[in-house]
N, C-alpha and C. Protein backbone atom coordinates (compact mmCIF):
# COMPACT_ATOMS: atom_id res chain seq x y z
N MET A 1 86.96 97.98 141.01
CA MET A 1 87.18 97.93 139.59
C MET A 1 86.08 98.71 138.88
N ARG A 2 86.48 99.61 138.01
CA ARG A 2 85.54 100.48 137.31
C ARG A 2 85.15 99.88 135.97
N SER A 3 83.89 99.86 135.67
CA SER A 3 83.46 99.35 134.37
C SER A 3 83.28 100.52 133.41
N ILE A 4 83.48 100.23 132.15
CA ILE A 4 83.31 101.25 131.11
C ILE A 4 82.00 100.97 130.41
N GLY A 5 81.12 101.96 130.39
CA GLY A 5 79.84 101.80 129.71
C GLY A 5 80.01 101.84 128.21
N VAL A 6 78.96 101.57 127.49
CA VAL A 6 79.00 101.56 126.03
C VAL A 6 79.45 102.90 125.49
N GLN A 7 78.96 103.97 126.06
CA GLN A 7 79.34 105.29 125.56
C GLN A 7 80.83 105.52 125.76
N GLY A 8 81.36 105.14 126.94
CA GLY A 8 82.79 105.29 127.20
C GLY A 8 83.63 104.44 126.27
N ALA A 9 83.17 103.23 126.01
CA ALA A 9 83.91 102.34 125.12
C ALA A 9 83.98 102.90 123.72
N ALA A 10 82.94 103.58 123.30
CA ALA A 10 82.91 104.13 121.94
C ALA A 10 83.94 105.25 121.76
N THR A 11 84.38 105.86 122.86
CA THR A 11 85.32 106.97 122.73
C THR A 11 86.78 106.52 122.82
N LEU A 12 87.03 105.23 123.01
CA LEU A 12 88.40 104.75 123.08
C LEU A 12 89.11 105.00 121.75
N ASP A 13 90.36 105.39 121.81
CA ASP A 13 91.16 105.66 120.63
C ASP A 13 91.71 104.34 120.08
N ARG A 14 91.24 103.93 118.90
CA ARG A 14 91.63 102.66 118.31
C ARG A 14 93.14 102.58 118.08
N GLN A 15 93.74 103.67 117.61
CA GLN A 15 95.18 103.68 117.35
C GLN A 15 95.96 103.50 118.65
N ALA A 16 95.52 104.14 119.72
CA ALA A 16 96.19 104.00 121.01
C ALA A 16 96.10 102.55 121.50
N LEU A 17 94.95 101.91 121.30
CA LEU A 17 94.81 100.51 121.69
C LEU A 17 95.76 99.62 120.91
N ARG A 18 95.87 99.86 119.60
CA ARG A 18 96.76 99.06 118.75
C ARG A 18 98.21 99.24 119.19
N GLN A 19 98.62 100.49 119.43
CA GLN A 19 100.00 100.74 119.83
C GLN A 19 100.29 100.07 121.17
N GLY A 20 99.33 100.11 122.07
CA GLY A 20 99.51 99.44 123.36
C GLY A 20 99.64 97.94 123.20
N PHE A 21 98.83 97.36 122.32
CA PHE A 21 98.90 95.92 122.07
C PHE A 21 100.26 95.55 121.49
N GLU A 22 100.71 96.31 120.47
CA GLU A 22 101.99 96.01 119.84
C GLU A 22 103.14 96.17 120.83
N SER A 23 103.07 97.20 121.66
CA SER A 23 104.13 97.44 122.63
C SER A 23 104.20 96.30 123.64
N ARG A 24 103.07 95.88 124.17
CA ARG A 24 103.05 94.78 125.13
C ARG A 24 103.51 93.48 124.48
N ALA A 25 103.12 93.26 123.22
CA ALA A 25 103.53 92.04 122.52
C ALA A 25 105.03 92.04 122.31
N ALA A 26 105.62 93.19 122.00
CA ALA A 26 107.05 93.27 121.77
C ALA A 26 107.83 93.07 123.07
N GLN A 27 107.27 93.50 124.19
CA GLN A 27 107.96 93.39 125.47
C GLN A 27 107.80 92.02 126.11
N SER A 28 106.74 91.32 125.75
CA SER A 28 106.48 90.02 126.36
C SER A 28 107.01 88.90 125.47
N VAL A 29 106.83 87.69 125.92
CA VAL A 29 107.20 86.55 125.10
C VAL A 29 106.29 86.54 123.89
N VAL A 30 106.89 86.57 122.71
CA VAL A 30 106.11 86.71 121.49
C VAL A 30 105.51 85.38 121.05
N SER A 31 106.14 84.27 121.41
CA SER A 31 105.57 82.98 121.04
C SER A 31 105.42 82.13 122.29
N TRP A 32 104.54 81.16 122.20
CA TRP A 32 104.28 80.25 123.30
C TRP A 32 103.92 78.91 122.68
N HIS A 33 103.75 77.91 123.51
CA HIS A 33 103.39 76.60 122.98
C HIS A 33 102.09 76.72 122.19
N GLY A 34 102.17 76.48 120.89
CA GLY A 34 100.97 76.47 120.08
C GLY A 34 100.57 77.80 119.48
N GLY A 35 101.38 78.86 119.62
CA GLY A 35 100.96 80.12 119.02
C GLY A 35 102.01 81.20 119.06
N ALA A 36 101.71 82.31 118.38
CA ALA A 36 102.63 83.44 118.33
C ALA A 36 101.90 84.70 117.92
N VAL A 37 102.41 85.83 118.39
CA VAL A 37 102.00 87.14 117.88
C VAL A 37 103.03 87.51 116.83
N ILE A 38 102.58 87.76 115.61
CA ILE A 38 103.53 88.07 114.53
C ILE A 38 103.33 89.50 114.04
N ARG A 39 104.43 90.11 113.69
CA ARG A 39 104.38 91.49 113.19
C ARG A 39 104.81 91.56 111.73
N SER A 40 105.20 90.42 111.15
CA SER A 40 105.65 90.38 109.76
C SER A 40 105.36 89.00 109.19
N TRP A 41 105.05 88.94 107.91
CA TRP A 41 104.80 87.64 107.28
C TRP A 41 106.03 86.76 107.32
N ARG A 42 107.23 87.37 107.40
CA ARG A 42 108.46 86.58 107.47
C ARG A 42 108.47 85.71 108.73
N GLU A 43 107.75 86.12 109.77
CA GLU A 43 107.71 85.36 111.02
C GLU A 43 106.80 84.14 110.95
N VAL A 44 105.90 84.10 109.99
CA VAL A 44 104.93 83.00 109.91
C VAL A 44 105.63 81.66 109.73
N ALA A 45 106.63 81.61 108.85
CA ALA A 45 107.31 80.35 108.55
C ALA A 45 107.92 79.71 109.80
N ASP A 46 108.28 80.52 110.78
CA ASP A 46 108.88 79.99 112.01
C ASP A 46 107.87 79.28 112.90
N HIS A 47 106.58 79.42 112.60
CA HIS A 47 105.53 78.90 113.48
C HIS A 47 104.59 77.92 112.78
N LEU A 48 105.00 77.38 111.63
CA LEU A 48 104.12 76.47 110.90
C LEU A 48 104.10 75.10 111.57
N PRO A 49 102.92 74.48 111.65
CA PRO A 49 102.80 73.18 112.31
C PRO A 49 103.24 72.03 111.41
N GLY A 50 103.69 70.96 112.03
CA GLY A 50 103.98 69.73 111.30
C GLY A 50 102.70 68.97 111.02
N PRO A 51 102.78 67.85 110.31
CA PRO A 51 101.59 67.05 109.99
C PRO A 51 100.80 66.68 111.25
N GLY A 52 99.49 66.90 111.19
CA GLY A 52 98.59 66.58 112.29
C GLY A 52 98.59 67.59 113.42
N ALA A 53 99.36 68.66 113.30
CA ALA A 53 99.46 69.66 114.37
C ALA A 53 98.82 70.98 113.93
N ASN A 54 98.77 71.92 114.87
CA ASN A 54 98.23 73.25 114.54
C ASN A 54 98.91 74.31 115.39
N THR A 55 98.73 75.56 114.99
CA THR A 55 99.25 76.70 115.73
C THR A 55 98.25 77.84 115.61
N THR A 56 98.39 78.82 116.49
CA THR A 56 97.54 80.01 116.46
C THR A 56 98.42 81.23 116.25
N LEU A 57 98.03 82.09 115.33
CA LEU A 57 98.79 83.30 115.04
C LEU A 57 97.90 84.53 115.21
N VAL A 58 98.44 85.56 115.82
CA VAL A 58 97.76 86.84 115.97
C VAL A 58 98.57 87.86 115.17
N THR A 59 97.91 88.55 114.25
CA THR A 59 98.59 89.59 113.48
C THR A 59 98.20 90.95 114.03
N CYS A 60 99.16 91.85 114.10
CA CYS A 60 98.88 93.17 114.65
C CYS A 60 99.41 94.28 113.75
N ARG A 61 99.60 93.98 112.50
CA ARG A 61 99.98 94.96 111.49
C ARG A 61 99.07 94.78 110.28
N GLU A 62 99.38 95.48 109.20
CA GLU A 62 98.54 95.37 108.01
C GLU A 62 98.81 94.06 107.28
N PHE A 63 97.78 93.24 107.13
CA PHE A 63 97.89 91.95 106.48
C PHE A 63 96.67 91.70 105.60
N SER A 64 96.83 90.82 104.65
CA SER A 64 95.73 90.22 103.91
C SER A 64 95.86 88.73 104.13
N ALA A 65 94.78 88.08 104.51
CA ALA A 65 94.85 86.63 104.74
C ALA A 65 95.33 85.89 103.50
N PHE A 66 95.08 86.44 102.31
CA PHE A 66 95.51 85.75 101.09
C PHE A 66 97.02 85.56 101.06
N GLU A 67 97.76 86.40 101.78
CA GLU A 67 99.22 86.28 101.79
C GLU A 67 99.70 84.94 102.35
N PHE A 68 98.83 84.22 103.06
CA PHE A 68 99.18 82.87 103.48
C PHE A 68 99.41 81.97 102.26
N VAL A 69 98.69 82.19 101.17
CA VAL A 69 98.75 81.28 100.02
C VAL A 69 100.15 81.21 99.43
N PRO A 70 100.74 82.31 98.95
CA PRO A 70 102.10 82.18 98.40
C PRO A 70 103.13 81.79 99.46
N MET A 71 102.88 82.17 100.72
CA MET A 71 103.82 81.84 101.78
C MET A 71 103.84 80.33 102.07
N LEU A 72 102.70 79.66 101.95
CA LEU A 72 102.62 78.22 102.19
C LEU A 72 102.91 77.39 100.95
N LEU A 73 103.03 78.04 99.81
CA LEU A 73 103.16 77.35 98.52
C LEU A 73 104.61 76.94 98.27
N HIS A 74 104.97 75.76 98.74
CA HIS A 74 106.29 75.18 98.48
C HIS A 74 106.06 73.95 97.62
N GLY A 75 106.09 74.14 96.31
CA GLY A 75 105.76 73.06 95.39
C GLY A 75 104.32 73.20 94.92
N PRO A 76 103.87 72.30 94.07
CA PRO A 76 102.52 72.39 93.50
C PRO A 76 101.41 72.21 94.52
N CYS A 77 100.33 72.96 94.34
CA CYS A 77 99.12 72.84 95.14
C CYS A 77 98.08 72.15 94.27
N GLU A 78 97.66 70.96 94.68
CA GLU A 78 96.70 70.21 93.89
C GLU A 78 95.31 70.82 93.96
N ARG A 79 94.94 71.35 95.13
CA ARG A 79 93.61 71.97 95.27
C ARG A 79 93.67 73.09 96.29
N LEU A 80 93.11 74.22 95.91
CA LEU A 80 93.03 75.40 96.78
C LEU A 80 91.57 75.75 97.00
N LEU A 81 91.18 75.90 98.26
CA LEU A 81 89.82 76.31 98.61
C LEU A 81 89.91 77.63 99.36
N LEU A 82 89.13 78.62 98.94
CA LEU A 82 89.09 79.92 99.62
C LEU A 82 87.64 80.29 99.90
N THR A 83 87.36 80.74 101.13
CA THR A 83 86.07 81.35 101.43
C THR A 83 86.36 82.65 102.16
N THR A 84 85.61 83.70 101.84
CA THR A 84 85.87 85.00 102.45
C THR A 84 84.69 85.93 102.23
N TYR A 85 84.62 86.94 103.05
CA TYR A 85 83.62 87.99 102.85
C TYR A 85 84.07 88.91 101.73
N ASN A 86 85.37 89.17 101.65
CA ASN A 86 85.90 90.11 100.67
C ASN A 86 87.27 89.64 100.20
N ILE A 87 87.54 89.83 98.92
CA ILE A 87 88.86 89.54 98.36
C ILE A 87 89.26 90.72 97.49
N SER A 88 90.52 91.10 97.57
CA SER A 88 90.98 92.26 96.81
C SER A 88 91.31 91.88 95.38
N GLY A 89 91.34 92.89 94.52
CA GLY A 89 91.76 92.68 93.14
C GLY A 89 93.19 92.18 93.06
N THR A 90 94.04 92.63 93.97
CA THR A 90 95.44 92.17 94.01
C THR A 90 95.49 90.67 94.28
N ALA A 91 94.69 90.21 95.24
CA ALA A 91 94.67 88.78 95.56
C ALA A 91 94.14 87.96 94.38
N VAL A 92 93.12 88.47 93.70
CA VAL A 92 92.59 87.76 92.52
C VAL A 92 93.65 87.69 91.43
N GLY A 93 94.41 88.77 91.25
CA GLY A 93 95.50 88.77 90.27
C GLY A 93 96.56 87.73 90.61
N MET A 94 96.92 87.65 91.88
CA MET A 94 97.89 86.64 92.32
C MET A 94 97.36 85.23 92.08
N LEU A 95 96.06 85.03 92.37
CA LEU A 95 95.44 83.73 92.15
C LEU A 95 95.50 83.35 90.67
N GLY A 96 95.21 84.31 89.79
CA GLY A 96 95.29 84.07 88.36
C GLY A 96 96.70 83.67 87.93
N SER A 97 97.70 84.32 88.49
CA SER A 97 99.09 83.98 88.17
C SER A 97 99.44 82.57 88.63
N LEU A 98 98.94 82.19 89.80
CA LEU A 98 99.22 80.84 90.32
C LEU A 98 98.55 79.77 89.46
N LEU A 99 97.35 80.06 88.96
CA LEU A 99 96.67 79.13 88.05
C LEU A 99 97.40 79.06 86.71
N SER A 100 97.80 80.22 86.18
CA SER A 100 98.50 80.27 84.89
C SER A 100 99.81 79.51 84.92
N SER A 101 100.55 79.65 86.02
CA SER A 101 101.86 79.01 86.13
C SER A 101 101.75 77.52 86.45
N GLY A 102 100.56 77.06 86.82
CA GLY A 102 100.39 75.66 87.19
C GLY A 102 100.76 75.37 88.64
N GLN A 103 101.13 76.40 89.40
CA GLN A 103 101.45 76.19 90.82
C GLN A 103 100.20 75.77 91.60
N VAL A 104 99.03 76.23 91.15
CA VAL A 104 97.75 75.78 91.69
C VAL A 104 97.01 75.09 90.56
N HIS A 105 96.64 73.81 90.79
CA HIS A 105 95.96 73.06 89.74
C HIS A 105 94.46 73.32 89.72
N LEU A 106 93.79 73.18 90.87
CA LEU A 106 92.35 73.42 90.99
C LEU A 106 92.10 74.44 92.08
N ALA A 107 91.12 75.33 91.87
CA ALA A 107 90.79 76.33 92.89
C ALA A 107 89.28 76.54 92.94
N ASP A 108 88.75 76.60 94.16
CA ASP A 108 87.34 76.91 94.41
C ASP A 108 87.29 78.13 95.33
N VAL A 109 86.45 79.11 94.98
CA VAL A 109 86.36 80.34 95.77
C VAL A 109 84.90 80.67 96.05
N LEU A 110 84.58 80.92 97.32
CA LEU A 110 83.27 81.43 97.73
C LEU A 110 83.48 82.81 98.32
N VAL A 111 82.72 83.81 97.85
CA VAL A 111 82.79 85.17 98.39
C VAL A 111 81.38 85.66 98.70
N HIS A 112 81.30 86.66 99.58
CA HIS A 112 79.99 87.20 99.95
C HIS A 112 79.35 87.92 98.77
N GLU A 113 78.04 87.74 98.65
CA GLU A 113 77.30 88.33 97.53
C GLU A 113 77.32 89.86 97.52
N SER A 114 77.62 90.49 98.65
CA SER A 114 77.66 91.96 98.68
C SER A 114 79.04 92.50 98.33
N MET A 115 80.00 91.63 98.02
CA MET A 115 81.37 92.07 97.75
C MET A 115 81.43 93.12 96.64
N ARG A 116 80.56 93.03 95.66
CA ARG A 116 80.59 93.97 94.54
C ARG A 116 80.40 95.42 94.99
N ARG A 117 79.79 95.62 96.17
CA ARG A 117 79.54 96.98 96.66
C ARG A 117 80.70 97.52 97.49
N LEU A 118 81.70 96.68 97.78
CA LEU A 118 82.85 97.12 98.57
C LEU A 118 83.83 97.87 97.67
N SER A 119 84.89 98.44 98.26
CA SER A 119 85.80 99.34 97.56
C SER A 119 86.17 98.89 96.15
N ASP A 120 86.98 97.86 95.99
CA ASP A 120 87.29 97.38 94.64
C ASP A 120 86.61 96.04 94.38
N GLY A 121 85.59 95.74 95.18
CA GLY A 121 84.90 94.45 95.08
C GLY A 121 84.29 94.16 93.74
N GLY A 122 83.76 95.19 93.07
CA GLY A 122 83.16 94.97 91.76
C GLY A 122 84.20 94.51 90.76
N GLN A 123 85.37 95.15 90.79
CA GLN A 123 86.45 94.74 89.90
C GLN A 123 86.95 93.35 90.24
N ALA A 124 87.06 93.06 91.55
CA ALA A 124 87.53 91.74 91.97
C ALA A 124 86.53 90.66 91.56
N ALA A 125 85.24 90.92 91.72
CA ALA A 125 84.21 89.94 91.33
C ALA A 125 84.26 89.69 89.82
N ALA A 126 84.44 90.76 89.05
CA ALA A 126 84.55 90.60 87.59
C ALA A 126 85.80 89.80 87.23
N ALA A 127 86.91 90.05 87.95
CA ALA A 127 88.14 89.31 87.69
C ALA A 127 87.99 87.83 88.05
N LEU A 128 87.23 87.53 89.12
CA LEU A 128 86.96 86.13 89.47
C LEU A 128 86.14 85.45 88.38
N ALA A 129 85.15 86.16 87.85
CA ALA A 129 84.35 85.62 86.74
C ALA A 129 85.23 85.36 85.52
N ASP A 130 86.20 86.25 85.27
CA ASP A 130 87.13 86.05 84.16
C ASP A 130 87.99 84.80 84.37
N LEU A 131 88.40 84.55 85.62
CA LEU A 131 89.18 83.35 85.90
C LEU A 131 88.37 82.09 85.61
N ARG A 132 87.08 82.14 85.94
CA ARG A 132 86.22 80.98 85.67
C ARG A 132 86.19 80.70 84.17
N GLN A 133 86.11 81.75 83.36
CA GLN A 133 86.10 81.57 81.90
C GLN A 133 87.47 81.15 81.38
N GLY A 134 88.52 81.71 81.99
CA GLY A 134 89.88 81.43 81.52
C GLY A 134 90.41 80.06 81.92
N PHE A 135 89.86 79.49 83.00
CA PHE A 135 90.33 78.20 83.49
C PHE A 135 89.16 77.24 83.71
N PRO A 136 88.42 76.92 82.64
CA PRO A 136 87.27 76.03 82.80
C PRO A 136 87.74 74.66 83.30
N GLY A 137 87.01 74.13 84.26
CA GLY A 137 87.37 72.85 84.84
C GLY A 137 88.43 72.92 85.92
N ARG A 138 89.09 74.09 86.03
CA ARG A 138 90.13 74.25 87.06
C ARG A 138 89.78 75.30 88.09
N PHE A 139 88.78 76.14 87.80
CA PHE A 139 88.43 77.23 88.72
C PHE A 139 86.93 77.35 88.84
N ARG A 140 86.42 77.28 90.08
CA ARG A 140 85.00 77.48 90.34
C ARG A 140 84.85 78.63 91.32
N PHE A 141 83.76 79.38 91.16
CA PHE A 141 83.56 80.60 91.94
C PHE A 141 82.07 80.84 92.12
N ARG A 142 81.70 81.24 93.33
CA ARG A 142 80.29 81.57 93.58
C ARG A 142 80.20 82.69 94.61
N GLU A 143 79.23 83.59 94.38
CA GLU A 143 78.90 84.64 95.35
C GLU A 143 77.65 84.18 96.09
N LEU A 144 77.71 84.22 97.44
CA LEU A 144 76.57 83.82 98.26
C LEU A 144 76.71 84.46 99.64
N ASP A 145 75.78 84.19 100.50
CA ASP A 145 75.78 84.78 101.84
C ASP A 145 76.75 84.01 102.73
N ILE A 146 78.03 84.40 102.70
CA ILE A 146 79.07 83.72 103.47
C ILE A 146 79.92 84.75 104.20
N HIS A 147 80.30 84.42 105.40
CA HIS A 147 81.17 85.29 106.19
C HIS A 147 82.41 84.54 106.65
N ALA A 148 82.47 83.23 106.44
CA ALA A 148 83.60 82.40 106.87
C ALA A 148 84.86 82.77 106.10
N LYS A 149 85.98 82.79 106.82
CA LYS A 149 87.28 83.06 106.20
C LYS A 149 88.13 81.81 106.33
N LEU A 150 88.49 81.23 105.20
CA LEU A 150 89.13 79.92 105.19
C LEU A 150 90.05 79.79 103.99
N ILE A 151 91.20 79.17 104.21
CA ILE A 151 92.12 78.80 103.13
C ILE A 151 92.47 77.32 103.35
N CYS A 152 92.30 76.51 102.32
CA CYS A 152 92.73 75.10 102.36
C CYS A 152 93.63 74.86 101.16
N MET A 153 94.77 74.22 101.42
CA MET A 153 95.74 73.94 100.35
C MET A 153 96.19 72.49 100.46
N ALA A 154 95.72 71.65 99.55
CA ALA A 154 96.17 70.26 99.47
C ALA A 154 97.39 70.22 98.57
N MET A 155 98.56 70.01 99.17
CA MET A 155 99.82 70.11 98.45
C MET A 155 100.26 68.76 97.89
N ALA A 156 100.95 68.79 96.75
CA ALA A 156 101.49 67.56 96.16
C ALA A 156 102.47 66.88 97.11
N SER A 157 103.11 67.66 97.97
CA SER A 157 104.08 67.13 98.93
C SER A 157 103.43 66.31 100.04
N GLY A 158 102.10 66.43 100.18
CA GLY A 158 101.41 65.76 101.26
C GLY A 158 100.99 66.70 102.38
N ASP A 159 101.59 67.91 102.41
CA ASP A 159 101.14 68.89 103.39
C ASP A 159 99.68 69.24 103.09
N ALA A 160 98.93 69.49 104.14
CA ALA A 160 97.49 69.78 104.02
C ALA A 160 97.20 71.02 104.87
N TRP A 161 97.47 72.19 104.30
CA TRP A 161 97.35 73.45 105.03
C TRP A 161 95.91 73.91 105.12
N VAL A 162 95.49 74.25 106.32
CA VAL A 162 94.18 74.84 106.56
C VAL A 162 94.39 76.06 107.43
N VAL A 163 93.92 77.21 106.97
CA VAL A 163 94.01 78.45 107.74
C VAL A 163 92.58 78.92 107.98
N GLU A 164 92.18 78.94 109.24
CA GLU A 164 90.86 79.42 109.64
C GLU A 164 91.09 80.69 110.46
N GLY A 165 90.45 81.78 110.07
CA GLY A 165 90.73 83.01 110.79
C GLY A 165 89.69 84.08 110.63
N SER A 166 90.00 85.23 111.17
CA SER A 166 89.05 86.34 111.16
C SER A 166 89.28 87.31 110.01
N GLY A 167 90.45 87.27 109.38
CA GLY A 167 90.79 88.27 108.36
C GLY A 167 90.29 87.92 106.97
N ASN A 168 89.87 88.96 106.23
CA ASN A 168 89.48 88.80 104.83
C ASN A 168 90.71 88.67 103.95
N MET A 169 90.46 88.42 102.65
CA MET A 169 91.54 88.30 101.67
C MET A 169 91.83 89.67 101.05
N ALA A 170 91.78 90.68 101.89
CA ALA A 170 92.07 92.06 101.49
C ALA A 170 92.82 92.71 102.64
N ARG A 171 93.72 93.62 102.34
CA ARG A 171 94.54 94.24 103.39
C ARG A 171 93.68 95.03 104.36
N ASN A 172 94.00 94.88 105.64
CA ASN A 172 93.36 95.70 106.66
C ASN A 172 94.33 95.83 107.83
N THR A 173 94.08 96.79 108.70
CA THR A 173 94.99 97.06 109.81
C THR A 173 94.45 96.54 111.14
N SER A 174 93.42 95.72 111.11
CA SER A 174 92.85 95.19 112.34
C SER A 174 93.73 94.11 112.94
N ILE A 175 93.62 93.91 114.23
CA ILE A 175 94.24 92.76 114.87
C ILE A 175 93.40 91.56 114.49
N GLU A 176 94.04 90.54 113.91
CA GLU A 176 93.33 89.36 113.43
C GLU A 176 93.91 88.10 114.07
N LEU A 177 93.11 87.06 114.11
CA LEU A 177 93.48 85.79 114.71
C LEU A 177 93.34 84.68 113.67
N TYR A 178 94.35 83.82 113.57
CA TYR A 178 94.32 82.71 112.61
C TYR A 178 94.75 81.42 113.30
N SER A 179 94.05 80.33 113.01
CA SER A 179 94.49 79.00 113.41
C SER A 179 94.98 78.30 112.15
N VAL A 180 96.20 77.76 112.21
CA VAL A 180 96.82 77.11 111.06
C VAL A 180 96.99 75.63 111.39
N PHE A 181 96.47 74.78 110.51
CA PHE A 181 96.51 73.33 110.70
C PHE A 181 97.25 72.69 109.52
N ASN A 182 97.86 71.56 109.77
CA ASN A 182 98.42 70.73 108.71
C ASN A 182 97.71 69.38 108.86
N ASP A 183 96.52 69.27 108.24
CA ASP A 183 95.60 68.18 108.57
C ASP A 183 94.74 67.82 107.36
N ALA A 184 95.03 66.69 106.73
CA ALA A 184 94.30 66.26 105.53
C ALA A 184 92.83 66.01 105.82
N GLY A 185 92.49 65.47 106.99
CA GLY A 185 91.10 65.23 107.34
C GLY A 185 90.31 66.51 107.43
N ARG A 186 90.95 67.57 107.91
CA ARG A 186 90.29 68.88 108.01
C ARG A 186 90.00 69.43 106.61
N ILE A 187 90.93 69.24 105.67
CA ILE A 187 90.68 69.67 104.29
C ILE A 187 89.50 68.90 103.71
N GLN A 188 89.44 67.60 103.94
CA GLN A 188 88.33 66.80 103.42
C GLN A 188 86.99 67.31 103.96
N PHE A 189 86.95 67.64 105.25
CA PHE A 189 85.71 68.18 105.83
C PHE A 189 85.30 69.46 105.12
N HIS A 190 86.23 70.41 104.99
CA HIS A 190 85.91 71.68 104.35
C HIS A 190 85.56 71.50 102.87
N ALA A 191 86.27 70.61 102.19
CA ALA A 191 85.99 70.37 100.76
C ALA A 191 84.57 69.85 100.58
N GLY A 192 84.08 69.09 101.54
CA GLY A 192 82.72 68.55 101.44
C GLY A 192 81.66 69.63 101.47
N TRP A 193 81.69 70.53 102.46
CA TRP A 193 80.64 71.53 102.53
C TRP A 193 80.80 72.62 101.48
N ILE A 194 82.06 72.94 101.13
CA ILE A 194 82.27 73.94 100.08
C ILE A 194 81.79 73.39 98.74
N GLY A 195 82.14 72.16 98.44
CA GLY A 195 81.72 71.53 97.19
C GLY A 195 80.20 71.49 97.05
N GLY A 196 79.52 71.32 98.17
CA GLY A 196 78.06 71.30 98.15
C GLY A 196 77.44 72.65 97.84
N LEU A 197 78.20 73.72 97.96
CA LEU A 197 77.69 75.06 97.69
C LEU A 197 78.05 75.57 96.29
N LEU A 198 78.94 74.88 95.60
CA LEU A 198 79.37 75.33 94.27
C LEU A 198 78.50 74.80 93.15
């Protein structure tokens, strides 16, 4: 068996690796007990866990983790928690619409303090600050040294969605991994440490 040194690894074609991954995923069993490789957000709904359960999803196309929010939003969301390194202006706009419509009652967002230096991060950070002013008592936001990517949605229906993963709340073409839980205790745990940072 031949090993590839660091220099050899650096010359691998990223696009060729992605195409190979997608091709193998399409030819093999796409889902298994507890997980699935998905190529479209439409496939996510087929793999959502019931109360107290979880699933693992691998994305291999262009996604933004924020897209889980509207996809999981069936009825009112009493509390939404988001932590991320980066969030796009599009995602912030969607969040504002969800707050305006009352679909999301309370929202807390933690983003990395360097986000303002990213592509549209400055605009997104300003838009988050505007949401704080526009929804006092319903929206909290802080920039700090955070790299965790997390979505928690406490639903009026009793569903307790938690998405823990590698992807930011901005579109990217990387292969990403997400664990999706329907677990109220897990939301309580995350709400505790997030609340302590706000």
